[in-house]
Protein backbone atom coordinates (compact mmCIF):
# COMPACT_ATOMS: atom_id res chain seq x y z
CA MET A 1 10.50 -10.35 -8.42
CA SER A 2 7.58 -7.99 -8.06
CA VAL A 3 8.73 -5.31 -10.49
CA PRO A 4 10.16 -6.38 -13.86
CA THR A 5 13.96 -6.55 -13.55
CA GLU A 6 14.56 -4.15 -16.42
CA HIS A 7 12.28 -1.59 -14.73
CA VAL A 8 14.19 -1.80 -11.42
CA GLU A 9 17.45 -1.22 -13.30
CA GLN A 10 15.95 1.82 -15.02
CA ILE A 11 14.83 3.17 -11.64
CA ARG A 12 18.33 2.81 -10.21
CA ASP A 13 19.92 4.45 -13.26
CA ARG A 14 17.85 7.64 -13.15
CA PRO A 15 16.49 8.34 -9.65
CA GLY A 16 16.05 12.08 -10.24
CA THR A 17 13.48 11.68 -12.99
CA LEU A 18 11.02 9.18 -11.54
CA ASP A 19 7.30 9.77 -11.86
CA VAL A 20 5.46 8.34 -8.85
CA ARG A 21 1.66 8.48 -8.79
CA MET A 22 -1.00 7.13 -6.49
CA LEU A 23 -3.92 6.36 -8.74
CA PRO A 24 -7.47 6.01 -7.42
CA ALA A 25 -9.52 2.84 -7.71
CA TYR A 26 -10.87 2.29 -11.22
CA ASP A 27 -8.44 4.79 -12.76
CA ASN A 28 -8.54 4.88 -16.56
CA TYR A 29 -4.92 3.75 -16.68
CA LEU A 30 -6.02 0.38 -15.31
CA VAL A 31 -9.47 0.22 -16.89
CA GLY A 32 -8.92 1.66 -20.35
CA TYR A 33 -6.61 -0.93 -21.89
CA ARG A 34 -7.38 -4.41 -23.13
CA GLY A 35 -4.02 -5.79 -22.01
CA ARG A 36 -2.58 -5.12 -18.57
CA GLU A 37 0.92 -6.48 -19.05
CA SER A 38 2.59 -3.08 -19.24
CA SER A 39 0.66 -1.57 -16.32
CA VAL A 40 0.47 -4.41 -13.76
CA PRO A 41 3.03 -7.23 -13.41
CA ALA A 42 1.28 -10.54 -14.15
CA ALA A 43 2.20 -11.94 -10.73
CA HIS A 44 0.18 -9.16 -9.05
CA HIS A 45 -2.98 -8.90 -11.16
CA GLY A 46 -4.93 -10.52 -8.32
CA ARG A 47 -3.80 -7.90 -5.84
CA VAL A 48 -4.97 -5.08 -8.10
CA ARG A 49 -8.08 -6.89 -9.39
CA PRO A 50 -9.14 -9.25 -6.58
CA GLY A 51 -12.41 -10.17 -8.28
CA GLY A 52 -16.02 -9.06 -8.32
CA GLY A 53 -15.20 -6.15 -10.61
CA VAL A 54 -13.02 -4.47 -7.96
CA ILE A 55 -9.97 -2.51 -9.09
CA ARG A 56 -7.92 -1.26 -6.15
CA PRO A 57 -6.07 2.06 -5.91
CA THR A 58 -2.49 1.62 -7.11
CA VAL A 59 0.99 3.07 -6.80
CA VAL A 60 2.66 3.55 -10.17
CA VAL A 61 6.34 4.29 -10.80
CA ASP A 62 7.19 5.37 -14.35
CA GLY A 63 4.36 3.26 -15.76
CA PRO A 64 4.27 -0.12 -14.01
CA THR A 65 2.26 -0.63 -10.84
CA VAL A 66 4.47 -1.36 -7.82
CA GLY A 67 1.77 -1.68 -5.15
CA THR A 68 -1.68 -0.80 -3.93
CA TRP A 69 -2.81 1.72 -1.35
CA ALA A 70 -5.75 2.26 0.97
CA ARG A 71 -6.99 4.89 3.39
CA ARG A 72 -6.95 3.92 7.07
CA ASP A 73 -7.80 5.57 10.38
CA GLY A 74 -10.85 7.37 9.03
CA GLY A 75 -8.94 8.44 5.93
CA ARG A 76 -6.23 10.20 7.91
CA VAL A 77 -3.55 7.66 6.93
CA VAL A 78 -2.62 6.35 3.51
CA GLN A 79 -1.22 2.83 3.78
CA VAL A 80 0.87 1.58 0.85
CA ASP A 81 1.22 -2.16 0.24
CA ALA A 82 4.18 -2.53 -2.14
CA PHE A 83 4.48 -5.74 -4.14
CA GLY A 84 8.02 -6.12 -2.85
CA PRO A 85 10.97 -4.14 -1.54
CA LEU A 86 11.41 -0.83 -3.35
CA PRO A 87 14.74 0.92 -3.92
CA SER A 88 15.24 3.54 -1.20
CA GLN A 89 14.84 6.50 -3.56
CA VAL A 90 11.56 5.06 -4.84
CA GLN A 91 10.32 4.42 -1.30
CA ALA A 92 11.09 8.04 -0.39
CA LEU A 93 9.08 9.28 -3.38
CA VAL A 94 6.19 6.94 -2.55
CA ASP A 95 6.23 8.20 1.05
CA ALA A 96 6.18 11.82 -0.19
CA GLU A 97 3.26 11.10 -2.53
CA SER A 98 1.40 9.35 0.28
CA SER A 99 1.95 12.31 2.62
CA ALA A 100 0.76 14.73 -0.05
CA GLY A 101 -2.42 12.68 -0.48
CA THR A 102 -3.05 12.67 3.25
CA ARG A 103 -2.54 16.44 3.47
CA PHE A 104 -4.94 16.95 0.56
CA LEU A 105 -7.63 14.74 2.14
CA HIS A 106 -7.16 16.16 5.64
CA PRO A 107 -5.64 19.64 5.63
CA ALA A 108 -4.55 20.98 9.00
CA THR A 109 -7.23 23.06 10.64
């Protein structure tokens, strides 16, 4: 499973209090700690840190990383690549965060 089982259960138990963030590449949350076990599931380290010193932008839900994201279409679209299926309430919050990021980067003129 992409997200630790106990984390998925916590998400389902308290959907109204989730903290969803889209962190930029090289964010201190991913750079500033010696161990990465609590921030990125071991099975997905390579997707966050593909090599060559690259650290991709990530989607974080209540601490653990659940996917990566990238800007597409000249920065007008934020594409999220989740590590696996997300509970519907989490997906809705990720979509809202993604839309907020797009509006911030490209406000309507």
